[in-house]
Amino acid sequence: MCDQDHFEKDRQDYEALGLVITRRQFGVMLGAGMAMMLPQVANAATVTESEVSVMTPDGTADCYFVHPASGTAPGVLVWPDIFGLRPAFRQMGKRLAESGYSVLVVNPFYRVKKAPTADKGSATPIPQLLPLAQALTETVQMTDAKAFIGWLDRQASVAKNRKMGTQGYCMGGPIALRTAAAMADRVGAAASFHGGGLVTDMPNSPHLQVAKTKAQLLIAIAANDDMRSPEEKNVLKETFAKAKMPAEIEVYAGAAHGWCPPDSQVYNEPQAEKAWSRLLVLYGKALA
């Protein structure tokens, strides 16, 4: 669900309401390689961060790894949106590490190029990026999920006696669900934020795959995505209820597709913070 037309209309609507910063401000910010600052974490842990290379069956993935500077913590695998690994997602990963997690944020397009993969960050036209996203087949997603979770498990900072979490944004939403399916014995929680393609009419639909696991789920849906596919939330609720899976599924009122990353052109801080708080609740329960 990465449609440039609706991204642009959402940006215009939110800008008119004074809810997002202007295109000119975005241009200045993105040109400097910056992201908006996220609220600080109370009692934030001191963290260690690094750029790392993760070997997969298909090559070497460039990723960002950040974790508390001492002790061990549950591992979390983060799948970015179609704009890829960039400062905004490094900032989000660091914030999660400051909250007590060992976090790997990946470049899902490493087979083609190293990050940054979107020349203009979140202002990059979607059509330029669609070929990258379309190359991420189900097989590719599952292969990478196993490689990335395996890499996390080899890190000294990752707690081996606690489940891992995974979260995805936009195209990363279904990949997070497939990660939980691919590593059902290791992943205890999966979260999707404005994820596109969670429900399809195919037998390998992400929501059906994750329903065979014991993961706890958080599905945060943009209001305009819900308007386009109003039945999807009901399918998700029915499927997960039938599977007896703990799942929080909510439509975020006033939030447009892409509202969570701080460099998004429709960033909605109040709703992004709500989604973030629910993520921490999910991980607090499932990865304890």
Protein backbone atom coordinates (compact mmCIF):
# COMPACT_ATOMS: atom_id res chain seq x y z
CA MET A 1 0.00 0.00 0.00
CA CYS A 2 2.48 2.58 -1.21
CA ASP A 3 0.50 4.77 -3.56
CA GLN A 4 2.22 8.05 -4.39
CA ASP A 5 -1.08 9.75 -5.23
CA HIS A 6 -2.64 9.12 -1.84
CA PHE A 7 0.61 10.00 -0.07
CA GLU A 8 0.56 13.38 -1.78
CA LYS A 9 -3.13 14.03 -1.09
CA ASP A 10 -2.66 13.07 2.57
CA ARG A 11 0.28 15.45 2.86
CA GLN A 12 -1.77 18.30 1.38
CA ASP A 13 -4.76 17.63 3.64
CA TYR A 14 -2.65 17.44 6.79
CA GLU A 15 -0.60 20.47 5.85
CA ALA A 16 -3.82 22.47 5.40
CA LEU A 17 -4.79 21.53 8.94
CA GLY A 18 -1.40 22.50 10.30
CA LEU A 19 -0.70 18.94 11.36
CA VAL A 20 2.52 18.39 9.42
CA ILE A 21 5.47 20.49 8.48
CA THR A 22 5.61 22.00 5.01
CA ARG A 23 7.20 20.56 1.89
CA ARG A 24 9.85 23.32 2.01
CA GLN A 25 10.70 22.41 5.60
CA PHE A 26 10.91 18.76 4.57
CA GLY A 27 13.25 19.65 1.73
CA VAL A 28 15.61 21.48 4.07
CA MET A 29 15.45 18.74 6.67
CA LEU A 30 15.91 15.83 4.30
CA GLY A 31 18.60 17.60 2.32
CA ALA A 32 20.60 17.80 5.52
CA GLY A 33 20.05 14.10 6.17
CA MET A 34 18.05 14.86 9.29
CA ALA A 35 14.89 13.55 10.86
CA MET A 36 12.54 15.25 13.27
CA MET A 37 13.51 14.69 16.88
CA LEU A 38 11.45 12.15 18.75
CA PRO A 39 10.44 12.72 22.37
CA GLN A 40 13.10 11.59 24.82
CA VAL A 41 12.81 8.32 26.71
CA ALA A 42 12.34 8.68 30.45
CA ASN A 43 15.19 6.97 32.33
CA ALA A 44 16.79 6.11 29.00
CA ALA A 45 19.40 3.38 29.04
CA THR A 46 22.88 4.26 27.81
CA VAL A 47 23.26 2.54 24.46
CA THR A 48 25.93 1.37 22.06
CA GLU A 49 25.26 1.80 18.35
CA SER A 50 27.05 0.67 15.21
CA GLU A 51 26.68 0.04 11.51
CA VAL A 52 26.94 -3.71 10.94
CA SER A 53 27.10 -6.19 8.07
CA VAL A 54 24.86 -9.25 8.28
CA MET A 55 25.58 -12.24 6.09
CA THR A 56 22.54 -13.83 4.43
CA PRO A 57 22.26 -16.61 1.85
CA ASP A 58 21.98 -13.88 -0.80
CA GLY A 59 24.81 -11.57 0.24
CA THR A 60 25.70 -9.00 2.89
CA ALA A 61 23.07 -6.70 4.35
CA ASP A 62 24.04 -3.31 5.74
CA CYS A 63 22.13 -2.69 8.97
CA TYR A 64 22.05 -0.52 12.08
CA PHE A 65 22.44 -2.24 15.45
CA VAL A 66 21.85 -0.51 18.78
CA HIS A 67 21.52 -1.97 22.27
CA PRO A 68 21.91 -1.14 25.97
CA ALA A 69 25.59 -0.67 26.77
CA SER A 70 25.51 -3.26 29.54
CA GLY A 71 23.68 -6.50 30.23
CA THR A 72 21.37 -8.33 27.89
CA ALA A 73 18.01 -7.35 26.42
CA PRO A 74 15.34 -8.91 24.19
CA GLY A 75 16.15 -8.69 20.50
CA VAL A 76 13.94 -6.72 18.11
CA LEU A 77 14.06 -6.78 14.31
CA VAL A 78 12.79 -3.63 12.59
CA TRP A 79 11.60 -3.58 8.96
CA PRO A 80 11.49 -0.04 7.52
CA ASP A 81 8.94 1.28 5.07
CA ILE A 82 9.57 1.58 1.33
CA PHE A 83 11.95 4.52 1.88
CA GLY A 84 14.35 2.14 3.61
CA LEU A 85 17.07 2.45 6.22
CA ARG A 86 17.68 6.14 6.92
CA PRO A 87 18.21 8.59 9.82
CA ALA A 88 14.56 8.47 10.93
CA PHE A 89 14.67 4.70 11.42
CA ARG A 90 18.05 4.83 13.12
CA GLN A 91 16.49 7.33 15.52
CA MET A 92 13.51 5.05 16.11
CA GLY A 93 15.80 2.07 16.67
CA LYS A 94 17.93 4.01 19.14
CA ARG A 95 14.86 5.13 21.04
CA LEU A 96 13.73 1.51 21.33
CA ALA A 97 17.17 0.47 22.58
CA GLU A 98 17.03 3.25 25.17
CA SER A 99 13.79 1.60 26.30
CA GLY A 100 15.61 -1.68 26.95
CA TYR A 101 15.91 -3.67 23.71
CA SER A 102 18.68 -4.87 21.40
CA VAL A 103 17.54 -3.57 18.04
CA LEU A 104 18.54 -4.42 14.47
CA VAL A 105 17.18 -2.07 11.80
CA VAL A 106 17.77 -3.55 8.37
CA ASN A 107 18.23 -2.38 4.81
CA PRO A 108 15.71 -4.67 3.09
CA PHE A 109 17.07 -3.68 -0.33
CA TYR A 110 20.68 -4.72 0.29
CA ARG A 111 20.65 -7.02 -2.74
CA VAL A 112 20.42 -3.97 -4.98
CA LYS A 113 22.22 -1.18 -3.11
CA LYS A 114 23.43 -0.06 0.27
CA ALA A 115 21.48 2.51 2.26
CA PRO A 116 20.36 5.13 1.57
CA THR A 117 18.14 3.54 -1.05
CA ALA A 118 15.76 6.49 -1.42
CA ASP A 119 17.68 9.46 -2.83
CA LYS A 120 15.37 12.05 -1.27
CA GLY A 121 14.40 10.16 1.84
CA SER A 122 10.66 10.09 2.46
CA ALA A 123 10.19 12.72 -0.26
CA THR A 124 11.36 10.25 -2.93
CA PRO A 125 8.62 9.52 -5.50
CA ILE A 126 7.11 6.11 -4.78
CA PRO A 127 7.31 4.92 -8.44
CA GLN A 128 11.11 5.10 -8.21
CA LEU A 129 11.06 2.67 -5.30
CA LEU A 130 8.38 0.19 -6.33
CA PRO A 131 10.82 -2.08 -8.23
CA LEU A 132 12.82 -2.47 -5.02
CA ALA A 133 9.76 -3.41 -3.00
CA GLN A 134 8.35 -5.72 -5.67
CA ALA A 135 11.57 -7.74 -5.67
CA LEU A 136 10.97 -8.71 -2.03
CA THR A 137 9.07 -11.92 -2.67
CA GLU A 138 7.70 -14.10 0.09
CA THR A 139 10.72 -16.41 -0.26
CA VAL A 140 13.10 -13.46 0.04
CA GLN A 141 11.28 -12.17 3.10
CA MET A 142 11.39 -15.53 4.84
CA THR A 143 15.07 -16.08 3.98
CA ASP A 144 16.04 -12.67 5.32
CA ALA A 145 13.91 -13.06 8.44
CA LYS A 146 15.75 -16.24 9.39
CA ALA A 147 19.14 -14.71 8.68
CA PHE A 148 18.47 -11.53 10.67
CA ILE A 149 16.94 -13.30 13.66
CA GLY A 150 19.84 -15.76 13.59
CA TRP A 151 22.33 -12.89 13.60
CA LEU A 152 20.61 -11.26 16.55
CA ASP A 153 20.78 -14.51 18.48
CA ARG A 154 24.54 -14.58 18.07
CA GLN A 155 25.00 -11.18 19.71
CA ALA A 156 26.15 -11.04 23.32
CA SER A 157 23.70 -8.22 24.08
CA VAL A 158 20.64 -10.27 23.10
CA ALA A 159 18.91 -12.23 25.86
CA LYS A 160 18.70 -15.88 24.86
CA ASN A 161 16.11 -16.73 27.51
CA ARG A 162 13.54 -14.19 26.27
CA LYS A 163 11.49 -14.07 23.10
CA MET A 164 12.24 -11.57 20.34
CA GLY A 165 9.98 -8.98 18.77
CA THR A 166 9.64 -7.69 15.23
CA GLN A 167 7.93 -4.62 13.83
CA GLY A 168 7.32 -3.26 10.35
CA TYR A 169 6.06 -0.10 8.69
CA CYS A 170 4.13 0.14 5.41
CA MET A 171 5.58 -2.71 3.29
CA GLY A 172 7.40 -3.85 6.45
CA GLY A 173 4.10 -4.72 8.17
CA PRO A 174 3.49 -7.97 6.29
CA ILE A 175 7.20 -8.79 6.48
CA ALA A 176 7.02 -8.54 10.27
CA LEU A 177 4.13 -11.00 10.30
CA ARG A 178 6.05 -13.35 8.01
CA THR A 179 9.08 -13.02 10.29
CA ALA A 180 6.99 -14.25 13.19
CA ALA A 181 5.81 -17.15 11.02
CA ALA A 182 9.31 -18.02 9.78
CA MET A 183 10.76 -18.00 13.31
CA ALA A 184 7.74 -19.04 15.35
CA ASP A 185 9.87 -20.66 18.04
CA ARG A 186 11.87 -17.46 18.62
CA VAL A 187 9.59 -14.50 17.89
CA GLY A 188 6.99 -13.78 20.55
CA ALA A 189 5.58 -10.48 19.29
CA ALA A 190 4.95 -8.79 15.95
CA ALA A 191 3.70 -5.29 15.22
CA SER A 192 2.50 -3.68 12.00
CA PHE A 193 2.15 0.08 11.60
CA HIS A 194 0.18 1.25 8.54
CA GLY A 195 1.13 -2.07 6.98
CA GLY A 196 -0.07 -2.77 3.45
CA GLY A 197 -0.96 -6.22 2.20
CA LEU A 198 -1.58 -7.89 5.54
CA VAL A 199 -4.67 -9.58 4.13
CA THR A 200 -4.77 -11.08 0.65
CA ASP A 201 -6.95 -13.74 -0.99
CA MET A 202 -3.99 -16.09 -1.31
CA PRO A 203 -3.34 -19.07 0.99
CA ASN A 204 0.04 -17.56 1.91
CA SER A 205 -1.48 -14.27 3.07
CA PRO A 206 0.64 -12.83 5.91
CA HIS A 207 -2.28 -12.81 8.33
CA LEU A 208 -2.88 -16.53 7.75
CA GLN A 209 0.79 -17.37 8.16
CA VAL A 210 1.15 -15.58 11.47
CA ALA A 211 -2.11 -17.09 12.72
CA LYS A 212 -0.28 -20.43 12.90
CA THR A 213 2.13 -19.05 15.51
CA LYS A 214 1.84 -18.13 19.18
CA ALA A 215 3.01 -14.54 18.73
CA GLN A 216 1.20 -11.63 20.34
CA LEU A 217 0.21 -8.99 17.82
CA LEU A 218 -0.27 -5.25 17.45
CA ILE A 219 -1.91 -4.04 14.22
CA ALA A 220 -2.10 -0.24 13.93
CA ILE A 221 -4.16 0.84 10.92
CA ALA A 222 -4.23 4.28 9.31
CA ALA A 223 -7.67 5.87 9.08
CA ASN A 224 -7.45 6.36 5.32
CA ASP A 225 -6.28 2.77 4.78
CA ASP A 226 -9.34 1.65 6.73
CA MET A 227 -11.55 3.77 4.48
CA ARG A 228 -10.12 2.04 1.42
CA SER A 229 -10.37 -1.47 2.90
CA PRO A 230 -12.95 -1.34 5.69
CA GLU A 231 -13.30 -5.12 5.97
CA GLU A 232 -9.63 -5.82 6.53
CA LYS A 233 -9.73 -5.08 10.26
CA ASN A 234 -12.70 -7.43 10.64
CA VAL A 235 -10.89 -10.22 8.80
CA LEU A 236 -7.88 -9.73 11.05
CA LYS A 237 -9.98 -9.75 14.20
CA GLU A 238 -11.91 -12.86 13.18
CA THR A 239 -8.80 -14.75 12.06
CA PHE A 240 -6.81 -14.04 15.20
CA ALA A 241 -9.77 -14.65 17.51
CA LYS A 242 -10.33 -18.04 15.88
CA ALA A 243 -6.65 -18.85 16.37
CA LYS A 244 -6.90 -17.66 19.99
CA MET A 245 -4.07 -15.20 19.42
CA PRO A 246 -3.71 -12.09 21.60
CA ALA A 247 -4.08 -9.27 19.08
CA GLU A 248 -4.66 -5.55 19.48
CA ILE A 249 -6.14 -4.20 16.24
CA GLU A 250 -7.00 -0.54 16.05
CA VAL A 251 -7.76 2.11 13.46
CA TYR A 252 -5.94 5.33 14.37
CA ALA A 253 -8.37 8.19 13.86
CA GLY A 254 -6.98 11.09 11.88
CA ALA A 255 -3.79 9.24 11.03
CA ALA A 256 -2.84 8.88 7.37
CA HIS A 257 -0.87 6.03 5.84
CA GLY A 258 2.74 6.57 6.88
CA TRP A 259 2.02 8.53 10.06
CA CYS A 260 4.64 6.91 12.35
CA PRO A 261 8.19 7.69 11.08
CA PRO A 262 9.25 11.19 12.17
CA ASP A 263 10.38 12.17 8.67
CA SER A 264 7.10 11.15 7.04
CA GLN A 265 5.24 13.78 5.09
CA VAL A 266 2.12 12.86 7.08
CA TYR A 267 3.82 12.41 10.45
CA ASN A 268 1.23 12.71 13.22
CA GLU A 269 3.07 12.98 16.51
CA PRO A 270 0.13 12.39 18.93
CA GLN A 271 -0.96 9.26 17.09
CA ALA A 272 2.62 8.13 16.49
CA GLU A 273 3.27 8.41 20.22
CA LYS A 274 0.12 6.45 20.96
CA ALA A 275 1.29 3.70 18.60
CA TRP A 276 4.74 3.77 20.19
CA SER A 277 3.28 3.42 23.67
CA ARG A 278 1.21 0.42 22.57
CA LEU A 279 4.34 -1.15 21.08
CA LEU A 280 6.11 -0.86 24.42
CA VAL A 281 3.12 -2.45 26.15
CA LEU A 282 3.18 -5.32 23.65
CA TYR A 283 6.89 -5.95 24.15
CA GLY A 284 6.59 -5.54 27.90
CA LYS A 285 4.09 -8.41 27.98
CA ALA A 286 5.35 -10.70 25.24
CA LEU A 287 9.11 -10.40 25.71
CA ALA A 288 9.22 -10.38 29.51
